[in-house]
Amino acid sequence: MNMKYEILKIKFRLLIKKHPPIYKILKRLRDSRSEEILCKSFNNLCIEGYPSSANSFLFVLLQHLNKNLSMGHHTHSIANIKLAYKYKIPIIIVIRTPIDAIASRIVRFGCHLDEGILEYIDFYKFILENYNKFLILDFEEITRNTEGAIKKISSFTDINLKYNDINKLKEKVFNYIKDWSEKRGNYIKMSLPVKKREIEKSKIKKIIIKSEKYKSALNIYNEIKKS
């Protein structure tokens, strides 16, 4: 009974995250940063994805490439994507393999296994159904082939993105995220690899793989990659 109740609560939260008017009201009540991250008509760009999928890395990278960029980002919600589409703002979706993204989400933020998997399925099912409306970038592409990702973004958005040395640029991004996390006392939740977290993630992955729901998440990921 308790588990069924928890699943109902999760599904209700996911439903709210699909509806911009309701989501905006609740987001503003709960998050003091909501005005910064919710999409508005004057934004140049929207970045969204499941948590722990290089959202922060890409956001900070673009800030370093063009300081004048105004972005909606980091709500991890379908509602914000719908707002961006309404305002005709270019939308970049980041995606990561479900096993890595979900494990990282659970370890970093302590969410329930079913919540982590259902969030992934709900978010990327919407992306799959509307994939031609976005630029979709994979975690590995963003973090390893960063130059290629930048070229794709520049072509997709017509935004000027200048840099001289990609390695120095990436180092600046990593240092910025690390410093920001340490100042806020969020080192363990930092959106960069942390050795202690990696050990926990390897344990969680074994549990995730056994879940029936995980198969749906993996199928959706594979379908998006094929699209």
C-alpha atoms as a PDB file:
ATOM      1  CA  MET A   1       0.000   0.000   0.000  1.00  0.00           C
ATOM      2  CA  ASN A   2       2.765   2.446   0.927  1.00  0.00           C
ATOM      3  CA  MET A   3       4.657   1.658  -2.271  1.00  0.00           C
ATOM      4  CA  LYS A   4       1.539   2.236  -4.368  1.00  0.00           C
ATOM      5  CA  TYR A   5       1.022   5.554  -2.606  1.00  0.00           C
ATOM      6  CA  GLU A   6       4.630   6.566  -3.315  1.00  0.00           C
ATOM      7  CA  ILE A   7       4.248   5.709  -7.011  1.00  0.00           C
ATOM      8  CA  LEU A   8       1.071   7.803  -7.168  1.00  0.00           C
ATOM      9  CA  LYS A   9       2.926  10.757  -5.604  1.00  0.00           C
ATOM     10  CA  ILE A  10       5.755  10.392  -8.117  1.00  0.00           C
ATOM     11  CA  LYS A  11       3.313  10.289 -11.042  1.00  0.00           C
ATOM     12  CA  PHE A  12       1.509  13.353  -9.691  1.00  0.00           C
ATOM     13  CA  ARG A  13       4.794  15.289  -9.496  1.00  0.00           C
ATOM     14  CA  LEU A  14       5.635  14.243 -13.042  1.00  0.00           C
ATOM     15  CA  LEU A  15       2.203  15.408 -14.207  1.00  0.00           C
ATOM     16  CA  ILE A  16       2.791  18.854 -12.691  1.00  0.00           C
ATOM     17  CA  LYS A  17       6.186  19.083 -14.439  1.00  0.00           C
ATOM     18  CA  LYS A  18       4.385  18.781 -17.783  1.00  0.00           C
ATOM     19  CA  HIS A  19       2.065  21.780 -17.349  1.00  0.00           C
ATOM     20  CA  PRO A  20       3.757  25.205 -17.562  1.00  0.00           C
ATOM     21  CA  PRO A  21       1.157  27.359 -15.714  1.00  0.00           C
ATOM     22  CA  ILE A  22       0.949  25.090 -12.652  1.00  0.00           C
ATOM     23  CA  TYR A  23       4.646  24.267 -12.710  1.00  0.00           C
ATOM     24  CA  LYS A  24       5.666  27.950 -12.864  1.00  0.00           C
ATOM     25  CA  ILE A  25       3.559  28.816  -9.808  1.00  0.00           C
ATOM     26  CA  LEU A  26       4.869  25.927  -7.703  1.00  0.00           C
ATOM     27  CA  LYS A  27       8.450  26.447  -8.873  1.00  0.00           C
ATOM     28  CA  ARG A  28       8.366  30.101  -7.836  1.00  0.00           C
ATOM     29  CA  LEU A  29       7.012  29.168  -4.408  1.00  0.00           C
ATOM     30  CA  ARG A  30       9.676  26.527  -3.758  1.00  0.00           C
ATOM     31  CA  ASP A  31      12.775  27.831  -5.566  1.00  0.00           C
ATOM     32  CA  SER A  32      14.238  31.318  -5.134  1.00  0.00           C
ATOM     33  CA  ARG A  33      16.203  30.810  -8.382  1.00  0.00           C
ATOM     34  CA  SER A  34      13.103  30.123 -10.445  1.00  0.00           C
ATOM     35  CA  GLU A  35      13.108  33.494 -12.210  1.00  0.00           C
ATOM     36  CA  GLU A  36      16.658  32.857 -13.396  1.00  0.00           C
ATOM     37  CA  ILE A  37      16.063  29.378 -14.770  1.00  0.00           C
ATOM     38  CA  LEU A  38      12.485  29.351 -16.132  1.00  0.00           C
ATOM     39  CA  CYS A  39      12.261  30.217 -19.839  1.00  0.00           C
ATOM     40  CA  LYS A  40      11.155  33.731 -20.753  1.00  0.00           C
ATOM     41  CA  SER A  41      10.465  35.327 -24.109  1.00  0.00           C
ATOM     42  CA  PHE A  42      13.803  37.190 -24.185  1.00  0.00           C
ATOM     43  CA  ASN A  43      15.992  34.126 -23.604  1.00  0.00           C
ATOM     44  CA  ASN A  44      18.440  33.125 -26.348  1.00  0.00           C
ATOM     45  CA  LEU A  45      18.474  29.451 -25.494  1.00  0.00           C
ATOM     46  CA  CYS A  46      16.967  26.672 -23.382  1.00  0.00           C
ATOM     47  CA  ILE A  47      19.024  23.781 -21.987  1.00  0.00           C
ATOM     48  CA  GLU A  48      17.170  20.883 -20.393  1.00  0.00           C
ATOM     49  CA  GLY A  49      17.779  17.239 -19.587  1.00  0.00           C
ATOM     50  CA  TYR A  50      17.518  14.617 -16.899  1.00  0.00           C
ATOM     51  CA  PRO A  51      19.709  15.466 -13.860  1.00  0.00           C
ATOM     52  CA  SER A  52      23.353  14.326 -13.947  1.00  0.00           C
ATOM     53  CA  SER A  53      23.542  14.406 -17.744  1.00  0.00           C
ATOM     54  CA  ALA A  54      26.062  17.271 -18.239  1.00  0.00           C
ATOM     55  CA  ASN A  55      23.448  20.011 -17.815  1.00  0.00           C
ATOM     56  CA  SER A  56      25.763  22.092 -15.623  1.00  0.00           C
ATOM     57  CA  PHE A  57      28.822  21.481 -17.759  1.00  0.00           C
ATOM     58  CA  LEU A  58      27.044  22.648 -20.901  1.00  0.00           C
ATOM     59  CA  PHE A  59      25.448  25.650 -19.203  1.00  0.00           C
ATOM     60  CA  VAL A  60      28.748  26.898 -17.730  1.00  0.00           C
ATOM     61  CA  LEU A  61      30.566  26.155 -20.987  1.00  0.00           C
ATOM     62  CA  LEU A  62      28.143  28.340 -22.946  1.00  0.00           C
ATOM     63  CA  GLN A  63      28.418  31.092 -20.345  1.00  0.00           C
ATOM     64  CA  HIS A  64      32.185  31.113 -20.849  1.00  0.00           C
ATOM     65  CA  LEU A  65      31.792  31.108 -24.627  1.00  0.00           C
ATOM     66  CA  ASN A  66      29.317  33.973 -24.719  1.00  0.00           C
ATOM     67  CA  LYS A  67      28.762  36.061 -21.586  1.00  0.00           C
ATOM     68  CA  ASN A  68      25.744  37.786 -23.135  1.00  0.00           C
ATOM     69  CA  LEU A  69      23.738  34.584 -23.435  1.00  0.00           C
ATOM     70  CA  SER A  70      20.432  34.479 -21.587  1.00  0.00           C
ATOM     71  CA  MET A  71      19.303  30.910 -20.918  1.00  0.00           C
ATOM     72  CA  GLY A  72      16.441  28.983 -19.396  1.00  0.00           C
ATOM     73  CA  HIS A  73      17.942  25.870 -17.831  1.00  0.00           C
ATOM     74  CA  HIS A  74      18.156  23.255 -15.097  1.00  0.00           C
ATOM     75  CA  THR A  75      14.508  22.739 -14.256  1.00  0.00           C
ATOM     76  CA  HIS A  76      14.675  19.182 -15.654  1.00  0.00           C
ATOM     77  CA  SER A  77      11.052  19.605 -16.658  1.00  0.00           C
ATOM     78  CA  ILE A  78       8.918  19.188 -19.753  1.00  0.00           C
ATOM     79  CA  ALA A  79       7.098  22.367 -18.710  1.00  0.00           C
ATOM     80  CA  ASN A  80      10.185  24.517 -19.315  1.00  0.00           C
ATOM     81  CA  ILE A  81      10.696  22.917 -22.718  1.00  0.00           C
ATOM     82  CA  LYS A  82       7.100  23.778 -23.610  1.00  0.00           C
ATOM     83  CA  LEU A  83       7.710  27.375 -22.532  1.00  0.00           C
ATOM     84  CA  ALA A  84      10.794  27.561 -24.741  1.00  0.00           C
ATOM     85  CA  TYR A  85       8.862  26.170 -27.678  1.00  0.00           C
ATOM     86  CA  LYS A  86       6.065  28.675 -27.070  1.00  0.00           C
ATOM     87  CA  TYR A  87       8.586  31.542 -27.133  1.00  0.00           C
ATOM     88  CA  LYS A  88      10.380  30.058 -30.182  1.00  0.00           C
ATOM     89  CA  ILE A  89      13.633  29.708 -28.260  1.00  0.00           C
ATOM     90  CA  PRO A  90      16.184  27.164 -29.575  1.00  0.00           C
ATOM     91  CA  ILE A  91      16.146  24.105 -27.310  1.00  0.00           C
ATOM     92  CA  ILE A  92      19.108  21.868 -26.519  1.00  0.00           C
ATOM     93  CA  ILE A  93      18.329  18.553 -24.861  1.00  0.00           C
ATOM     94  CA  VAL A  94      21.095  16.642 -23.106  1.00  0.00           C
ATOM     95  CA  ILE A  95      20.873  12.890 -22.717  1.00  0.00           C
ATOM     96  CA  ARG A  96      22.930  10.231 -20.957  1.00  0.00           C
ATOM     97  CA  THR A  97      22.651   6.456 -20.802  1.00  0.00           C
ATOM     98  CA  PRO A  98      19.904   5.619 -18.285  1.00  0.00           C
ATOM     99  CA  ILE A  99      22.116   3.387 -16.153  1.00  0.00           C
ATOM    100  CA  ASP A 100      24.659   6.184 -15.582  1.00  0.00           C
ATOM    101  CA  ALA A 101      22.187   9.064 -15.321  1.00  0.00           C
ATOM    102  CA  ILE A 102      19.782   7.303 -12.944  1.00  0.00           C
ATOM    103  CA  ALA A 103      22.557   5.923 -10.720  1.00  0.00           C
ATOM    104  CA  SER A 104      24.129   9.364 -10.447  1.00  0.00           C
ATOM    105  CA  ARG A 105      20.733  10.985  -9.734  1.00  0.00           C
ATOM    106  CA  ILE A 106      20.022   8.536  -6.901  1.00  0.00           C
ATOM    107  CA  VAL A 107      23.463   8.853  -5.293  1.00  0.00           C
ATOM    108  CA  ARG A 108      23.743  12.648  -5.654  1.00  0.00           C
ATOM    109  CA  PHE A 109      20.223  13.577  -4.562  1.00  0.00           C
ATOM    110  CA  GLY A 110      18.949  10.561  -2.649  1.00  0.00           C
ATOM    111  CA  CYS A 111      15.817  10.006  -4.699  1.00  0.00           C
ATOM    112  CA  HIS A 112      13.926   6.702  -4.662  1.00  0.00           C
ATOM    113  CA  LEU A 113      14.851   4.104  -7.312  1.00  0.00           C
ATOM    114  CA  ASP A 114      11.383   4.097  -8.894  1.00  0.00           C
ATOM    115  CA  GLU A 115      11.287   7.887  -8.938  1.00  0.00           C
ATOM    116  CA  GLY A 116      14.644   8.070 -10.697  1.00  0.00           C
ATOM    117  CA  ILE A 117      13.609   5.581 -13.374  1.00  0.00           C
ATOM    118  CA  LEU A 118      10.086   6.967 -13.903  1.00  0.00           C
ATOM    119  CA  GLU A 119      11.458  10.512 -14.227  1.00  0.00           C
ATOM    120  CA  TYR A 120      13.844   9.343 -16.933  1.00  0.00           C
ATOM    121  CA  ILE A 121      11.109   7.500 -18.830  1.00  0.00           C
ATOM    122  CA  ASP A 122       8.633  10.388 -18.585  1.00  0.00           C
ATOM    123  CA  PHE A 123      11.117  13.059 -19.671  1.00  0.00           C
ATOM    124  CA  TYR A 124      12.693  11.245 -22.599  1.00  0.00           C
ATOM    125  CA  LYS A 125       9.435   9.743 -23.844  1.00  0.00           C
ATOM    126  CA  PHE A 126       8.351  13.329 -24.492  1.00  0.00           C
ATOM    127  CA  ILE A 127      11.693  14.058 -26.190  1.00  0.00           C
ATOM    128  CA  LEU A 128      11.348  10.975 -28.410  1.00  0.00           C
ATOM    129  CA  GLU A 129       7.838  12.015 -29.449  1.00  0.00           C
ATOM    130  CA  ASN A 130       9.089  15.521 -30.391  1.00  0.00           C
ATOM    131  CA  TYR A 131      12.752  14.875 -31.225  1.00  0.00           C
ATOM    132  CA  ASN A 132      12.744  16.942 -34.449  1.00  0.00           C
ATOM    133  CA  LYS A 133      12.075  20.118 -32.418  1.00  0.00           C
ATOM    134  CA  PHE A 134      15.379  20.000 -30.529  1.00  0.00           C
ATOM    135  CA  LEU A 135      19.120  19.663 -30.826  1.00  0.00           C
ATOM    136  CA  ILE A 136      19.880  16.523 -28.826  1.00  0.00           C
ATOM    137  CA  LEU A 137      23.415  16.137 -27.462  1.00  0.00           C
ATOM    138  CA  ASP A 138      24.761  13.076 -25.688  1.00  0.00           C
ATOM    139  CA  PHE A 139      26.693  13.283 -22.412  1.00  0.00           C
ATOM    140  CA  GLU A 140      29.786  11.702 -23.985  1.00  0.00           C
ATOM    141  CA  GLU A 141      29.688  14.084 -26.929  1.00  0.00           C
ATOM    142  CA  ILE A 142      29.449  17.133 -24.672  1.00  0.00           C
ATOM    143  CA  THR A 143      32.203  16.095 -22.280  1.00  0.00           C
ATOM    144  CA  ARG A 144      34.620  14.322 -24.665  1.00  0.00           C
ATOM    145  CA  ASN A 145      34.007  15.813 -28.115  1.00  0.00           C
ATOM    146  CA  THR A 146      33.298  19.301 -26.813  1.00  0.00           C
ATOM    147  CA  GLU A 147      34.493  21.047 -29.971  1.00  0.00           C
ATOM    148  CA  GLY A 148      32.052  19.017 -32.056  1.00  0.00           C
ATOM    149  CA  ALA A 149      29.216  19.819 -29.649  1.00  0.00           C
ATOM    150  CA  ILE A 150      30.012  23.540 -29.827  1.00  0.00           C
ATOM    151  CA  LYS A 151      29.916  23.454 -33.644  1.00  0.00           C
ATOM    152  CA  LYS A 152      26.513  21.753 -33.574  1.00  0.00           C
ATOM    153  CA  ILE A 153      25.138  24.311 -31.112  1.00  0.00           C
ATOM    154  CA  SER A 154      26.489  27.232 -33.121  1.00  0.00           C
ATOM    155  CA  SER A 155      24.943  25.856 -36.314  1.00  0.00           C
ATOM    156  CA  PHE A 156      21.613  25.078 -34.629  1.00  0.00           C
ATOM    157  CA  THR A 157      21.247  28.446 -32.884  1.00  0.00           C
ATOM    158  CA  ASP A 158      23.266  30.918 -35.017  1.00  0.00           C
ATOM    159  CA  ILE A 159      24.809  32.090 -31.728  1.00  0.00           C
ATOM    160  CA  ASN A 160      28.431  33.233 -31.893  1.00  0.00           C
ATOM    161  CA  LEU A 161      30.558  30.922 -29.709  1.00  0.00           C
ATOM    162  CA  LYS A 162      34.257  31.826 -29.664  1.00  0.00           C
ATOM    163  CA  TYR A 163      37.190  30.075 -27.992  1.00  0.00           C
ATOM    164  CA  ASN A 164      40.923  29.718 -28.547  1.00  0.00           C
ATOM    165  CA  ASP A 165      42.040  26.617 -26.671  1.00  0.00           C
ATOM    166  CA  ILE A 166      39.382  23.959 -25.999  1.00  0.00           C
ATOM    167  CA  ASN A 167      41.406  22.267 -23.254  1.00  0.00           C
ATOM    168  CA  LYS A 168      41.898  25.514 -21.354  1.00  0.00           C
ATOM    169  CA  LEU A 169      38.224  26.303 -21.805  1.00  0.00           C
ATOM    170  CA  LYS A 170      37.188  22.939 -20.355  1.00  0.00           C
ATOM    171  CA  GLU A 171      39.588  23.405 -17.445  1.00  0.00           C
ATOM    172  CA  LYS A 172      37.974  26.767 -16.674  1.00  0.00           C
ATOM    173  CA  VAL A 173      34.536  25.154 -16.748  1.00  0.00           C
ATOM    174  CA  PHE A 174      35.580  22.322 -14.399  1.00  0.00           C
ATOM    175  CA  ASN A 175      37.235  24.773 -11.984  1.00  0.00           C
ATOM    176  CA  TYR A 176      34.195  27.049 -12.001  1.00  0.00           C
ATOM    177  CA  ILE A 177      31.841  24.175 -11.143  1.00  0.00           C
ATOM    178  CA  LYS A 178      34.181  22.884  -8.438  1.00  0.00           C
ATOM    179  CA  ASP A 179      34.624  26.329  -6.826  1.00  0.00           C
ATOM    180  CA  TRP A 180      30.898  27.065  -6.994  1.00  0.00           C
ATOM    181  CA  SER A 181      30.061  23.725  -5.363  1.00  0.00           C
ATOM    182  CA  GLU A 182      32.624  24.143  -2.586  1.00  0.00           C
ATOM    183  CA  LYS A 183      31.416  27.667  -1.791  1.00  0.00           C
ATOM    184  CA  ARG A 184      27.853  26.391  -1.438  1.00  0.00           C
ATOM    185  CA  GLY A 185      28.960  23.417   0.660  1.00  0.00           C
ATOM    186  CA  ASN A 186      27.710  21.002  -2.006  1.00  0.00           C
ATOM    187  CA  TYR A 187      30.940  19.171  -2.809  1.00  0.00           C
ATOM    188  CA  ILE A 188      29.385  15.684  -2.592  1.00  0.00           C
ATOM    189  CA  LYS A 189      26.494  16.775  -4.849  1.00  0.00           C
ATOM    190  CA  MET A 190      28.861  18.497  -7.284  1.00  0.00           C
ATOM    191  CA  SER A 191      28.137  17.821 -10.966  1.00  0.00           C
ATOM    192  CA  LEU A 192      31.650  16.468 -11.514  1.00  0.00           C
ATOM    193  CA  PRO A 193      33.023  12.981 -10.747  1.00  0.00           C
ATOM    194  CA  VAL A 194      33.607  12.357  -7.033  1.00  0.00           C
ATOM    195  CA  LYS A 195      35.450   9.157  -6.045  1.00  0.00           C
ATOM    196  CA  LYS A 196      33.183   8.388  -3.068  1.00  0.00           C
ATOM    197  CA  ARG A 197      30.114   8.690  -5.293  1.00  0.00           C
ATOM    198  CA  GLU A 198      31.511   6.396  -7.968  1.00  0.00           C
ATOM    199  CA  ILE A 199      31.688   3.512  -5.477  1.00  0.00           C
ATOM    200  CA  GLU A 200      28.056   4.032  -4.466  1.00  0.00           C
ATOM    201  CA  LYS A 201      26.969   4.317  -8.092  1.00  0.00           C
ATOM    202  CA  SER A 202      28.499   0.949  -8.970  1.00  0.00           C
ATOM    203  CA  LYS A 203      26.352  -0.658  -6.240  1.00  0.00           C
ATOM    204  CA  ILE A 204      23.180   1.128  -7.324  1.00  0.00           C
ATOM    205  CA  LYS A 205      23.659   0.132 -10.963  1.00  0.00           C
ATOM    206  CA  LYS A 206      23.330  -3.549 -10.060  1.00  0.00           C
ATOM    207  CA  ILE A 207      19.932  -2.819  -8.527  1.00  0.00           C
ATOM    208  CA  ILE A 208      18.751  -0.586 -11.381  1.00  0.00           C
ATOM    209  CA  ILE A 209      19.466  -3.217 -14.037  1.00  0.00           C
ATOM    210  CA  LYS A 210      17.166  -5.687 -12.258  1.00  0.00           C
ATOM    211  CA  SER A 211      14.198  -3.315 -12.427  1.00  0.00           C
ATOM    212  CA  GLU A 212      11.531  -4.014 -15.064  1.00  0.00           C
ATOM    213  CA  LYS A 213      11.046  -0.269 -15.469  1.00  0.00           C
ATOM    214  CA  TYR A 214      14.708   0.159 -16.404  1.00  0.00           C
ATOM    215  CA  LYS A 215      14.147  -1.774 -19.643  1.00  0.00           C
ATOM    216  CA  SER A 216      11.660   0.886 -20.764  1.00  0.00           C
ATOM    217  CA  ALA A 217      14.174   3.637 -19.995  1.00  0.00           C
ATOM    218  CA  LEU A 218      16.860   1.851 -22.012  1.00  0.00           C
ATOM    219  CA  ASN A 219      14.517   1.291 -24.962  1.00  0.00           C
ATOM    220  CA  ILE A 220      13.623   4.989 -25.061  1.00  0.00           C
ATOM    221  CA  TYR A 221      17.309   5.983 -24.920  1.00  0.00           C
ATOM    222  CA  ASN A 222      18.146   3.627 -27.794  1.00  0.00           C
ATOM    223  CA  GLU A 223      15.248   4.932 -29.884  1.00  0.00           C
ATOM    224  CA  ILE A 224      16.393   8.543 -29.405  1.00  0.00           C
ATOM    225  CA  LYS A 225      19.947   7.641 -30.370  1.00  0.00           C
ATOM    226  CA  LYS A 226      18.659   6.011 -33.555  1.00  0.00           C
ATOM    227  CA  SER A 227      16.472   9.000 -34.496  1.00  0.00           C
END
